[in-house]
Protein backbone atom coordinates (compact mmCIF):
# COMPACT_ATOMS: atom_id res chain seq x y z
CA MET A 1 119.20 -95.65 33.94
CA PRO A 2 116.09 -98.13 33.73
CA ILE A 3 116.26 -100.96 36.16
CA ASP A 4 114.72 -104.55 35.59
CA VAL A 5 113.40 -105.88 38.47
CA ASP A 6 111.51 -108.78 39.24
CA ALA A 7 108.37 -107.40 41.06
CA LEU A 8 105.93 -108.72 43.58
CA VAL A 9 102.37 -108.07 42.96
CA MET A 10 100.88 -106.21 46.07
CA SER A 11 97.35 -106.01 45.17
CA ASN A 12 95.25 -106.14 42.29
CA ASP A 13 92.16 -103.80 42.50
CA ARG A 14 89.55 -104.77 40.14
CA LEU A 15 87.65 -101.50 39.40
CA SER A 16 85.30 -103.22 36.65
CA ALA A 17 85.12 -106.23 34.58
CA THR A 18 87.76 -104.65 32.37
CA CYS A 19 89.89 -102.46 34.21
CA ASN A 20 92.13 -102.85 36.98
CA VAL A 21 95.04 -101.11 39.28
CA LEU A 22 97.83 -103.69 39.77
CA LYS A 23 100.34 -102.46 42.84
CA LEU A 24 103.68 -103.62 42.53
CA ALA A 25 106.79 -103.63 45.00
CA ALA A 26 109.51 -101.79 42.59
CA PRO A 27 110.42 -99.32 45.24
CA ALA A 28 114.08 -98.31 42.91
CA VAL A 29 111.90 -98.18 39.89
CA ALA A 30 109.02 -95.75 41.43
CA ALA A 31 111.70 -93.87 43.38
CA ALA A 32 113.33 -92.87 39.99
CA ALA A 33 109.94 -92.48 37.89
CA ARG A 34 109.06 -88.78 37.01
CA PRO A 35 105.28 -88.25 35.70
CA GLY A 36 104.76 -89.19 32.11
CA GLN A 37 107.30 -91.98 32.36
CA PHE A 38 106.44 -95.73 31.32
CA VAL A 39 107.97 -99.37 32.51
CA MET A 40 108.08 -102.23 30.34
CA VAL A 41 106.44 -105.01 31.65
CA LYS A 42 106.21 -108.86 31.30
CA GLN A 43 104.37 -111.54 33.41
CA ASP A 44 106.76 -114.51 32.35
CA LEU A 45 109.86 -114.02 29.95
CA ALA A 46 109.67 -117.86 29.21
CA ALA A 47 105.96 -117.84 27.76
CA ALA A 48 104.56 -115.87 24.84
CA PRO A 49 104.04 -113.05 23.92
CA LEU A 50 107.40 -112.78 23.26
CA LEU A 51 108.15 -109.02 23.85
CA ARG A 52 107.09 -106.60 26.88
CA ARG A 53 104.39 -104.05 26.86
CA PRO A 54 104.46 -100.71 27.83
CA PHE A 55 102.37 -99.22 30.52
CA SER A 56 102.63 -95.71 32.11
CA VAL A 57 103.76 -95.36 35.97
CA PHE A 58 100.01 -94.71 37.71
CA GLU A 59 101.05 -93.95 41.32
CA VAL A 60 103.74 -94.06 43.19
CA LEU A 61 103.16 -95.96 46.17
CA ARG A 62 104.15 -95.22 49.68
CA ASP A 63 103.64 -96.21 53.36
CA GLU A 64 102.50 -93.93 56.17
CA ARG A 65 105.87 -92.51 56.83
CA GLY A 66 106.15 -91.72 53.28
CA ASP A 67 108.62 -94.70 52.53
CA ILE A 68 108.60 -95.46 48.72
CA LEU A 69 107.04 -98.89 48.25
CA GLY A 70 106.25 -99.50 44.81
CA LEU A 71 104.56 -98.32 41.97
CA SER A 72 100.92 -99.04 40.03
CA LEU A 73 99.65 -100.09 36.79
CA LEU A 74 96.46 -99.07 35.35
CA ASN A 75 94.91 -101.57 33.11
CA GLN A 76 92.75 -102.37 30.70
CA ARG A 77 91.89 -105.53 29.54
CA VAL A 78 92.10 -105.84 25.43
CA GLY A 79 94.52 -108.74 24.46
CA ILE A 80 96.62 -111.31 25.88
CA VAL A 81 99.00 -109.50 27.93
CA THR A 82 96.38 -106.87 29.37
CA GLU A 83 94.11 -110.26 30.08
CA ALA A 84 96.91 -111.69 32.02
CA LEU A 85 97.71 -108.67 34.12
CA TYR A 86 93.97 -108.89 35.15
CA ALA A 87 94.12 -112.02 36.41
CA LEU A 88 97.25 -111.46 38.60
CA GLU A 89 96.86 -112.54 42.20
CA PRO A 90 98.87 -110.91 45.39
CA GLY A 91 102.33 -112.69 45.90
CA GLU A 92 102.65 -113.32 41.78
CA ARG A 93 105.80 -111.84 39.86
CA LEU A 94 106.04 -109.41 37.14
CA ARG A 95 109.24 -108.51 35.55
CA CYS A 96 109.42 -104.41 35.39
CA LEU A 97 111.88 -102.70 33.35
CA GLY A 98 112.01 -98.63 33.98
CA PRO A 99 111.54 -95.59 33.92
CA LEU A 100 111.46 -95.35 30.45
CA GLY A 101 111.08 -92.46 28.35
CA ARG A 102 110.65 -88.76 28.54
CA ALA A 103 108.42 -87.14 31.53
CA PHE A 104 106.12 -84.37 31.31
CA SER A 105 107.45 -80.98 31.67
CA LEU A 106 106.41 -79.68 35.40
CA GLY A 107 108.02 -76.07 36.06
CA SER A 108 105.87 -73.47 37.72
CA PRO A 109 103.39 -72.64 34.87
CA PRO A 110 101.11 -69.53 35.59
CA GLY A 111 97.31 -70.35 36.29
CA GLU A 112 96.18 -73.75 36.21
CA ALA A 113 97.42 -77.08 34.78
CA TRP A 114 94.60 -78.79 32.58
CA MET A 115 94.79 -82.61 32.20
CA VAL A 116 92.78 -83.83 29.35
CA ALA A 117 92.20 -87.86 29.60
CA GLY A 118 90.38 -90.32 27.70
CA GLY A 119 89.64 -93.56 29.11
CA VAL A 120 92.69 -95.36 30.27
CA GLY A 121 94.42 -92.20 28.91
CA LEU A 122 94.01 -91.36 32.68
CA ALA A 123 97.13 -93.71 33.49
CA PRO A 124 100.06 -91.01 33.34
CA PHE A 125 98.10 -88.14 35.30
CA ALA A 126 98.09 -89.56 39.14
CA THR A 127 102.04 -89.19 39.30
CA LEU A 128 101.12 -85.43 37.44
CA ALA A 129 98.71 -84.66 39.83
CA GLU A 130 101.20 -85.17 42.91
CA ALA A 131 103.78 -83.69 41.33
CA LEU A 132 101.31 -80.39 40.53
CA ARG A 133 100.30 -80.75 44.35
CA ALA A 134 103.78 -80.64 45.50
CA ALA A 135 104.37 -77.35 43.22
CA GLN A 136 101.03 -75.63 44.19
CA VAL A 137 100.12 -75.60 40.90
CA PRO A 138 96.13 -75.71 40.67
CA ALA A 139 95.07 -78.54 38.50
CA THR A 140 91.73 -79.48 36.56
CA LEU A 141 91.05 -82.97 35.09
CA LEU A 142 88.65 -83.31 32.37
CA TYR A 143 88.36 -86.75 31.92
CA GLY A 144 86.06 -88.42 29.38
CA GLY A 145 84.78 -92.00 28.62
CA ARG A 146 82.06 -93.88 26.50
CA SER A 147 80.06 -94.63 29.33
CA LYS A 148 80.45 -94.03 33.37
CA ALA A 149 81.98 -97.62 33.51
CA ASP A 150 84.98 -96.25 31.76
CA LEU A 151 85.67 -93.52 34.66
CA VAL A 152 87.86 -94.93 37.36
CA TYR A 153 89.68 -93.37 40.29
CA VAL A 154 88.12 -90.05 39.97
CA ASP A 155 87.79 -89.48 44.10
CA TRP A 156 91.56 -90.25 44.05
CA PHE A 157 91.67 -87.11 42.13
CA ARG A 158 89.45 -84.95 44.01
CA ARG A 159 91.03 -86.18 47.28
CA ARG A 160 94.24 -84.43 46.07
CA GLY A 161 92.35 -80.84 45.33
CA VAL A 162 92.23 -81.75 41.47
CA ARG A 163 88.99 -80.03 40.02
CA VAL A 164 87.60 -82.72 38.02
CA ARG A 165 84.96 -82.46 35.05
CA LEU A 166 83.47 -85.46 33.77
CA THR A 167 82.24 -86.31 29.93
CA THR A 168 80.50 -89.77 28.49
CA GLU A 169 79.14 -90.30 25.05
CA ASP A 170 76.08 -91.70 26.23
CA GLY A 171 75.30 -89.19 29.11
CA SER A 172 75.68 -91.69 31.96
CA ARG A 173 77.66 -89.45 33.98
CA GLY A 174 78.83 -85.69 33.59
CA GLU A 175 78.15 -83.82 30.76
CA PRO A 176 77.31 -85.56 27.65
CA GLY A 177 79.59 -85.68 24.51
CA LEU A 178 83.29 -85.75 24.10
CA VAL A 179 85.85 -84.80 26.37
CA THR A 180 87.10 -82.59 23.74
CA GLY A 181 83.93 -80.50 23.83
CA ALA A 182 84.37 -79.82 27.36
CA LEU A 183 87.99 -78.50 26.68
CA GLU A 184 86.70 -75.84 23.98
CA ARG A 185 84.06 -74.57 26.22
CA MET A 186 86.34 -73.87 29.04
CA LEU A 187 88.98 -72.34 26.59
CA ALA A 188 86.18 -70.33 25.04
CA ALA A 189 84.89 -69.31 28.67
CA GLY A 190 87.84 -67.54 29.98
CA ALA A 191 91.82 -67.44 29.80
CA PRO A 192 93.70 -70.44 29.17
CA PRO A 193 95.66 -72.48 31.66
CA GLY A 194 99.64 -72.34 31.68
CA MET A 195 99.70 -75.89 30.49
CA ILE A 196 97.42 -78.57 28.98
CA TYR A 197 98.19 -82.46 29.13
CA ALA A 198 96.66 -84.47 26.92
CA CYS A 199 96.59 -88.36 26.97
CA GLY A 200 93.96 -90.97 25.07
CA PRO A 201 92.64 -91.97 21.70
CA THR A 202 94.62 -90.22 18.77
CA PRO A 203 92.00 -87.91 17.47
CA MET A 204 91.26 -86.62 21.21
CA MET A 205 94.77 -85.79 21.43
CA ARG A 206 94.85 -84.38 17.81
CA ALA A 207 92.13 -82.55 18.78
CA VAL A 208 93.30 -81.06 21.84
CA ALA A 209 96.78 -80.18 20.40
CA ALA A 210 94.65 -77.94 17.74
CA LEU A 211 92.59 -76.17 20.44
CA ALA A 212 95.51 -75.42 22.25
CA CYS A 213 97.34 -73.96 19.27
CA ARG A 214 94.02 -71.95 18.36
CA HIS A 215 93.93 -70.68 21.99
CA ARG A 216 97.79 -69.80 22.47
CA CYS A 217 98.24 -72.32 25.04
CA PRO A 218 101.47 -74.84 25.34
CA ALA A 219 100.34 -78.59 25.51
CA GLU A 220 102.25 -81.51 25.78
CA VAL A 221 100.46 -85.37 24.44
CA SER A 222 101.51 -88.54 25.91
CA LEU A 223 101.53 -90.78 22.89
CA GLU A 224 100.81 -94.65 23.15
CA PRO A 225 102.19 -96.08 20.07
CA VAL A 226 103.09 -99.93 19.86
CA MET A 227 106.52 -100.47 21.26
CA GLY A 228 108.83 -103.35 20.99
CA CYS A 229 111.68 -102.95 23.33
CA GLY A 230 111.11 -99.59 25.26
CA LEU A 231 114.90 -98.64 24.79
CA GLY A 232 115.28 -97.16 21.20
CA GLY A 233 116.66 -100.46 19.79
CA CYS A 234 113.83 -102.01 17.55
CA TYR A 235 112.14 -98.87 15.81
CA SER A 236 109.09 -100.06 16.05
CA CYS A 237 107.59 -97.02 18.02
CA VAL A 238 108.72 -94.17 15.45
CA VAL A 239 105.96 -91.19 14.72
CA ARG A 240 106.73 -88.26 12.76
CA VAL A 241 107.45 -84.66 14.06
CA ARG A 242 107.35 -81.75 12.47
CA ASP A 243 111.10 -79.92 11.53
CA GLU A 244 110.83 -77.16 9.00
CA ARG A 245 114.65 -77.50 8.55
CA LEU A 246 113.81 -80.30 6.27
CA PRO A 247 112.66 -80.43 3.21
CA ALA A 248 109.66 -82.84 3.56
CA GLY A 249 109.03 -80.67 6.80
CA GLY A 250 109.51 -83.63 9.27
CA ARG A 251 111.39 -86.40 10.67
CA PHE A 252 110.76 -89.76 12.48
CA VAL A 253 111.47 -90.09 16.00
CA ARG A 254 111.37 -92.92 18.42
CA SER A 255 108.69 -92.40 21.07
CA CYS A 256 110.38 -94.57 23.64
CA VAL A 257 113.40 -91.98 23.45
CA HIS A 258 112.00 -89.02 22.25
CA GLY A 259 108.70 -89.18 23.91
CA PRO A 260 106.27 -90.76 24.86
CA VAL A 261 105.86 -86.94 26.02
CA PHE A 262 105.88 -84.52 23.01
CA PRO A 263 104.89 -81.00 22.58
CA GLY A 264 101.29 -80.98 20.84
CA ASP A 265 102.29 -78.68 17.96
CA ARG A 266 105.33 -80.98 17.42
CA ILE A 267 103.65 -84.24 16.22
CA ALA A 268 102.80 -84.66 12.60
CA TRP A 269 99.05 -85.59 13.34
CA ASP A 270 97.90 -86.42 9.54
CA ALA A 271 100.71 -88.75 9.46
CA LEU A 272 99.99 -90.55 12.82
CA ALA A 273 96.23 -90.59 11.99
CA GLY A 274 97.34 -92.65 8.99
CA ALA A 275 99.31 -95.00 10.95
CA ALA A 276 96.65 -95.42 13.49
């Protein structure tokens, strides 16, 4: 069951003029969270906007003894809610409901696990990297952005033994071009990994799913649809998934309940791209 808490802001690390990591004292939520799950947050329940907003659980925070202190959120300023989250100071409070949604599949995949992130699509991969490390699964992060300013927390992943491959569209850091180009080159160069995980813009995830299918590699994508409640009640986050049993070849499901993590080959990408 999700937990609704009044979380204290422990710190607000502003990584750039647009991006920050907000650390919240919400140990009960953090202890229950699995990689790929999310929380619904709101700064002030009495103020606009009315609805909460979804954010992936970025990190599970622990003290020196390993006891869980809370969780962090990776935020980018793009609107009213994200602007408010960027401005929060230690000591302020934030309503936090979670954990919610379907997590990534872990198990013990053979070979490596590759995480493909575009911009703040990095958000679900910190907890996943920790879980892969605990399972002794070698991990690679393919991380892309428009410029070097979009690439954050790179050293955090490297300190945890994750191999990192960076791309930028303007060539200011790493390889020039799209992160999907780097993925395509890696897949062409050798055996595919045991699993590919992806999160970021819809066209990027669609391309990752197509590449995984072409190379016969399983893939999971973490979708980022607009959500109103996060609990399955409002039906604002429906996505079309393939279902060969139905005449139309698909059906709609709620991403907050059946996702946000889906097998890449299950999404009806044409319908999702049209909705976006």
